[in-house]
Amino acid sequence: MSFYQRLNSAWDRSGSMLCVGLDPDVARFPTGMRGSIDAIEDFCKAIIDATGDLVCAFKPQIAYFAAVGAEKQLENVCEYVRVNFPDVVLILDAKRGDIGDTAALYAREAFSRYDADAVTVNPYLGTDSLEPFLATPGKGTIVLCRTSNAGSSEFQSLKVDGQPVYLRVAQTAATKWRTIGECALVVGATYPDELAQVRSIVGDMPILVPGIGAQGGNIDAVVNAGRDTNSRGLIINSSRAILYASDGDNFAAAARDVALATRATINAAS
């Protein structure tokens, strides 16, 4: 099954465009687990069990694992999603961007080592840096377009022949990259007007939207600006607001409550 097919199936099955980002910060774990690298796997698995029936995707952020030498735990977490929630799309948030053999190795890392359905990538080095990802059969390549961070305008809004760079990225994705492989884009929830512009260019291409919850993006604005012609097309990510809803032993139950409320808000907007 292709990435697009898996994503459509996940939207249908879950009735949800919610994605839970797995960003395990040991300093914010519940009291009994706090500071323990060994607890990363258990923490993530508890969140996955609590929310797996409510989401279309999980998005582990590789830096939270790699920075503390927990790559094996990441492998185990990815396998856990595969085995226990096989209908949920697995997105590796790695933001890779390199050329030649290095890009090919990053693609192998994402799609073979972690068996992700899709990976986030940076397009700054151009099409040849994306080709190893795009050319991997059945896998998705999610390209940074208009990111949610405060400094994103520094380069992404610069104009080239009168067009902002982020719209040039969207145009290239719609006309070139999608002819090579299954492409999607990242557009931050904090920029709904730009999200609407990107949607008008890329048609029904999937868009990963970070920036709700802790970053303050408005769900109604995101859905109204970014939904496709089928009133979906979005992978709306929430990480910290769900993961750290409680620092007590009830952290998983609290995460489920926030995920339920977030999904309900998304569905009400759509």
Protein backbone atom coordinates (compact mmCIF):
# COMPACT_ATOMS: atom_id res chain seq x y z
CA MET A 1 0.00 0.00 0.00
CA SER A 2 1.37 3.43 -0.92
CA PHE A 3 1.83 6.34 1.49
CA TYR A 4 -1.16 8.16 0.03
CA GLN A 5 -3.30 5.04 0.30
CA ARG A 6 -2.23 4.43 3.89
CA LEU A 7 -2.97 8.01 4.82
CA ASN A 8 -6.41 7.96 3.22
CA SER A 9 -7.15 4.70 5.00
CA ALA A 10 -5.99 6.18 8.32
CA TRP A 11 -8.22 9.24 7.88
CA ASP A 12 -11.18 6.96 7.13
CA ARG A 13 -10.53 4.50 9.94
CA SER A 14 -9.88 7.02 12.70
CA GLY A 15 -12.27 9.75 11.60
CA SER A 16 -9.42 12.02 12.56
CA MET A 17 -6.78 14.34 11.13
CA LEU A 18 -4.94 14.42 14.46
CA CYS A 19 -1.30 13.37 14.64
CA VAL A 20 0.45 12.87 17.99
CA GLY A 21 4.08 13.93 17.97
CA LEU A 22 6.33 11.72 20.08
CA ASP A 23 8.87 14.16 21.58
CA PRO A 24 10.01 12.38 24.75
CA ASP A 25 11.72 14.96 26.96
CA VAL A 26 12.93 13.09 30.04
CA ALA A 27 12.96 16.34 32.05
CA ARG A 28 9.18 16.57 31.63
CA PHE A 29 8.27 12.95 32.33
CA PRO A 30 5.93 12.05 35.19
CA THR A 31 7.61 12.22 38.57
CA GLY A 32 8.37 8.52 38.83
CA MET A 33 9.99 8.41 35.37
CA ARG A 34 11.61 11.84 35.23
CA GLY A 35 15.19 12.00 34.06
CA SER A 36 15.32 8.35 33.10
CA ILE A 37 16.50 7.58 29.57
CA ASP A 38 15.45 3.98 30.14
CA ALA A 39 11.86 5.21 30.60
CA ILE A 40 11.62 6.74 27.11
CA GLU A 41 10.30 3.58 25.50
CA ASP A 42 7.72 2.92 28.23
CA PHE A 43 6.55 6.53 28.16
CA CYS A 44 6.06 6.54 24.39
CA LYS A 45 4.32 3.17 24.38
CA ALA A 46 1.89 4.37 27.06
CA ILE A 47 1.04 7.45 24.97
CA ILE A 48 0.63 5.28 21.86
CA ASP A 49 -1.72 2.88 23.66
CA ALA A 50 -3.76 5.77 25.05
CA THR A 51 -4.21 7.62 21.76
CA GLY A 52 -3.73 5.10 18.93
CA ASP A 53 -7.43 4.77 18.14
CA LEU A 54 -7.84 8.57 17.95
CA VAL A 55 -5.15 9.52 15.44
CA CYS A 56 -4.26 9.21 11.79
CA ALA A 57 -0.52 9.35 12.48
CA PHE A 58 2.27 9.24 15.03
CA LYS A 59 5.32 11.44 14.46
CA PRO A 60 8.42 10.56 16.51
CA GLN A 61 11.00 13.35 16.48
CA ILE A 62 14.38 11.70 16.08
CA ALA A 63 16.35 14.36 17.97
CA TYR A 64 14.65 13.57 21.28
CA PHE A 65 15.91 10.01 20.99
CA ALA A 66 19.30 10.52 19.34
CA ALA A 67 20.44 13.29 21.70
CA VAL A 68 20.39 10.86 24.62
CA GLY A 69 21.59 7.78 22.73
CA ALA A 70 18.11 6.23 22.57
CA GLU A 71 18.06 5.19 18.92
CA LYS A 72 17.32 1.59 19.90
CA GLN A 73 14.35 2.79 21.90
CA LEU A 74 13.18 4.68 18.79
CA GLU A 75 13.46 1.48 16.76
CA ASN A 76 11.38 -0.30 19.38
CA VAL A 77 8.77 2.46 19.50
CA CYS A 78 8.41 2.43 15.71
CA GLU A 79 8.05 -1.35 15.74
CA TYR A 80 5.45 -1.06 18.50
CA VAL A 81 3.33 1.24 16.34
CA ARG A 82 3.72 -1.13 13.39
CA VAL A 83 2.63 -4.20 15.35
CA ASN A 84 -0.08 -2.75 17.58
CA PHE A 85 -1.50 0.05 15.41
CA PRO A 86 -0.74 -1.07 11.87
CA ASP A 87 -3.34 1.27 10.36
CA VAL A 88 -1.74 4.40 11.84
CA VAL A 89 0.72 6.24 9.60
CA LEU A 90 4.24 6.50 11.02
CA ILE A 91 6.10 9.72 10.19
CA LEU A 92 9.75 10.08 11.15
CA ASP A 93 10.40 13.75 11.89
CA ALA A 94 14.06 14.03 10.92
CA LYS A 95 14.18 17.07 8.57
CA ARG A 96 16.99 15.51 6.57
CA GLY A 97 18.64 17.38 3.70
CA ASP A 98 21.83 16.32 1.94
CA ILE A 99 23.08 15.14 -1.43
CA GLY A 100 24.34 12.02 -3.16
CA ASP A 101 25.19 8.95 -1.13
CA THR A 102 24.48 10.78 2.14
CA ALA A 103 20.88 11.49 1.13
CA ALA A 104 20.48 7.88 0.06
CA LEU A 105 21.72 6.74 3.48
CA TYR A 106 19.32 9.08 5.27
CA ALA A 107 16.49 7.61 3.19
CA ARG A 108 17.60 4.11 4.12
CA GLU A 109 17.71 5.12 7.79
CA ALA A 110 14.13 6.38 7.71
CA PHE A 111 12.55 3.72 5.56
CA SER A 112 14.59 0.61 6.39
CA ARG A 113 15.96 1.08 9.90
CA TYR A 114 12.83 2.74 11.33
CA ASP A 115 10.35 1.45 8.72
CA ALA A 116 8.60 4.82 8.61
CA ASP A 117 5.82 5.49 6.13
CA ALA A 118 7.14 9.00 5.57
CA VAL A 119 9.97 11.30 6.61
CA THR A 120 10.31 15.07 6.84
CA VAL A 121 13.02 16.62 4.65
CA ASN A 122 14.56 20.02 3.98
CA PRO A 123 14.51 21.14 0.31
CA TYR A 124 17.26 23.77 0.58
CA LEU A 125 19.78 21.66 -1.35
CA GLY A 126 17.41 21.13 -4.27
CA THR A 127 15.68 18.30 -6.06
CA ASP A 128 18.65 15.93 -6.15
CA SER A 129 18.72 15.97 -2.36
CA LEU A 130 15.09 14.78 -2.29
CA GLU A 131 15.26 12.16 -5.01
CA PRO A 132 16.44 9.23 -2.84
CA PHE A 133 13.42 9.78 -0.60
CA LEU A 134 10.92 10.41 -3.40
CA ALA A 135 12.17 7.43 -5.37
CA THR A 136 11.55 4.95 -2.54
CA PRO A 137 8.43 3.01 -3.58
CA GLY A 138 5.40 3.33 -1.34
CA LYS A 139 6.99 5.90 0.97
CA GLY A 140 6.14 9.56 1.58
CA THR A 141 8.47 12.56 1.46
CA ILE A 142 7.18 15.48 3.53
CA VAL A 143 8.97 18.66 2.49
CA LEU A 144 9.38 21.73 4.69
CA CYS A 145 7.51 24.60 3.07
CA ARG A 146 6.28 27.26 5.54
CA THR A 147 7.36 26.26 9.02
CA SER A 148 5.75 27.32 12.30
CA ASN A 149 8.80 28.81 14.05
CA ALA A 150 9.07 32.55 14.62
CA GLY A 151 12.17 32.97 12.46
CA SER A 152 10.83 31.12 9.43
CA SER A 153 10.15 34.31 7.47
CA GLU A 154 13.85 35.15 7.35
CA PHE A 155 14.29 33.02 4.25
CA GLN A 156 10.95 31.41 3.48
CA SER A 157 9.25 34.74 2.77
CA LEU A 158 12.02 36.15 0.59
CA LYS A 159 10.71 36.83 -2.90
CA VAL A 160 12.09 35.21 -6.05
CA ASP A 161 10.66 36.79 -9.20
CA GLY A 162 7.93 38.28 -7.05
CA GLN A 163 6.99 34.99 -5.38
CA PRO A 164 7.89 34.03 -1.78
CA VAL A 165 10.25 31.09 -1.51
CA TYR A 166 7.69 28.99 0.36
CA LEU A 167 5.26 29.32 -2.54
CA ARG A 168 8.05 28.38 -4.94
CA VAL A 169 8.55 25.24 -2.85
CA ALA A 170 4.81 24.51 -3.06
CA GLN A 171 4.82 25.08 -6.81
CA THR A 172 7.80 22.77 -7.30
CA ALA A 173 6.17 20.11 -5.16
CA ALA A 174 2.97 20.28 -7.19
CA THR A 175 4.60 20.25 -10.63
CA LYS A 176 7.88 18.36 -10.23
CA TRP A 177 8.40 16.43 -7.02
CA ARG A 178 5.03 14.69 -7.10
CA THR A 179 5.96 13.27 -10.52
CA ILE A 180 8.97 11.55 -8.91
CA GLY A 181 7.25 10.17 -5.81
CA GLU A 182 4.61 10.63 -3.14
CA CYS A 183 5.11 14.13 -1.81
CA ALA A 184 3.55 16.15 1.01
CA LEU A 185 4.38 19.51 2.58
CA VAL A 186 4.89 21.00 6.04
CA VAL A 187 3.02 24.26 6.69
CA GLY A 188 2.76 25.67 10.20
CA ALA A 189 -0.54 26.27 11.98
CA THR A 190 0.71 29.71 12.99
CA TYR A 191 0.38 30.92 9.37
CA PRO A 192 -3.18 30.08 8.21
CA ASP A 193 -3.20 32.64 5.39
CA GLU A 194 -0.05 31.11 3.93
CA LEU A 195 -1.56 27.65 4.44
CA ALA A 196 -4.54 28.68 2.29
CA GLN A 197 -2.18 29.92 -0.42
CA VAL A 198 -0.24 26.65 -0.39
CA ARG A 199 -3.46 24.62 -0.56
CA SER A 200 -4.58 26.59 -3.61
CA ILE A 201 -1.35 25.60 -5.38
CA VAL A 202 -0.99 21.93 -4.40
CA GLY A 203 -4.58 20.76 -4.74
CA ASP A 204 -5.29 17.66 -2.64
CA MET A 205 -1.66 16.99 -1.69
CA PRO A 206 -1.39 16.09 2.03
CA ILE A 207 -0.12 18.82 4.35
CA LEU A 208 1.47 18.18 7.74
CA VAL A 209 0.56 21.02 10.09
CA PRO A 210 2.59 21.50 13.29
CA GLY A 211 2.01 24.38 15.66
CA ILE A 212 -1.32 23.84 17.41
CA GLY A 213 -1.42 23.32 21.16
CA ALA A 214 1.70 24.67 22.84
CA GLN A 215 2.63 26.87 19.86
CA GLY A 216 -0.79 28.50 19.79
CA GLY A 217 -2.04 27.74 16.28
CA ASN A 218 -5.82 28.04 15.91
CA ILE A 219 -7.49 24.78 14.87
CA ASP A 220 -10.53 26.40 13.23
CA ALA A 221 -8.30 28.64 11.14
CA VAL A 222 -6.08 25.70 10.15
CA VAL A 223 -8.94 23.46 9.04
CA ASN A 224 -10.75 26.20 7.16
CA ALA A 225 -7.57 27.30 5.39
CA GLY A 226 -6.01 23.92 4.72
CA ARG A 227 -8.63 21.24 4.15
CA ASP A 228 -8.81 19.71 0.70
CA THR A 229 -11.83 19.13 -1.54
CA ASN A 230 -12.75 16.09 0.58
CA SER A 231 -12.69 18.19 3.78
CA ARG A 232 -9.55 16.48 5.02
CA GLY A 233 -6.01 16.48 3.54
CA LEU A 234 -4.36 17.60 6.80
CA ILE A 235 -2.14 15.85 9.33
CA ILE A 236 -2.54 18.18 12.30
CA ASN A 237 0.20 17.56 14.83
CA SER A 238 0.09 18.13 18.56
CA SER A 239 2.99 17.07 20.76
CA ARG A 240 3.60 18.76 24.10
CA ALA A 241 -0.03 19.59 24.88
CA ILE A 242 -0.89 15.89 24.71
CA LEU A 243 2.32 14.28 25.97
CA TYR A 244 2.59 16.42 29.08
CA ALA A 245 -1.08 16.90 29.95
CA SER A 246 -0.21 15.54 33.39
CA ASP A 247 3.01 14.86 35.28
CA GLY A 248 1.36 12.27 37.49
CA ASP A 249 0.71 8.57 37.21
CA ASN A 250 -2.40 9.41 35.16
CA PHE A 251 -0.30 10.92 32.34
CA ALA A 252 -1.57 8.47 29.72
CA ALA A 253 -5.22 8.97 30.65
CA ALA A 254 -4.72 12.74 30.65
CA ALA A 255 -3.05 12.52 27.23
CA ARG A 256 -6.07 10.61 25.93
CA ASP A 257 -8.44 13.27 27.27
CA VAL A 258 -6.55 16.05 25.50
CA ALA A 259 -6.33 14.00 22.30
CA LEU A 260 -10.08 13.38 22.40
CA ALA A 261 -10.78 17.07 22.89
CA THR A 262 -8.35 18.05 20.13
CA ARG A 263 -9.85 15.57 17.67
CA ALA A 264 -13.34 16.83 18.51
CA THR A 265 -12.29 20.42 17.86
CA ILE A 266 -10.72 19.45 14.54
CA ASN A 267 -13.81 17.52 13.47
CA ALA A 268 -16.15 20.32 14.51
CA ALA A 269 -14.15 22.75 12.37
CA SER A 270 -14.19 20.46 9.34
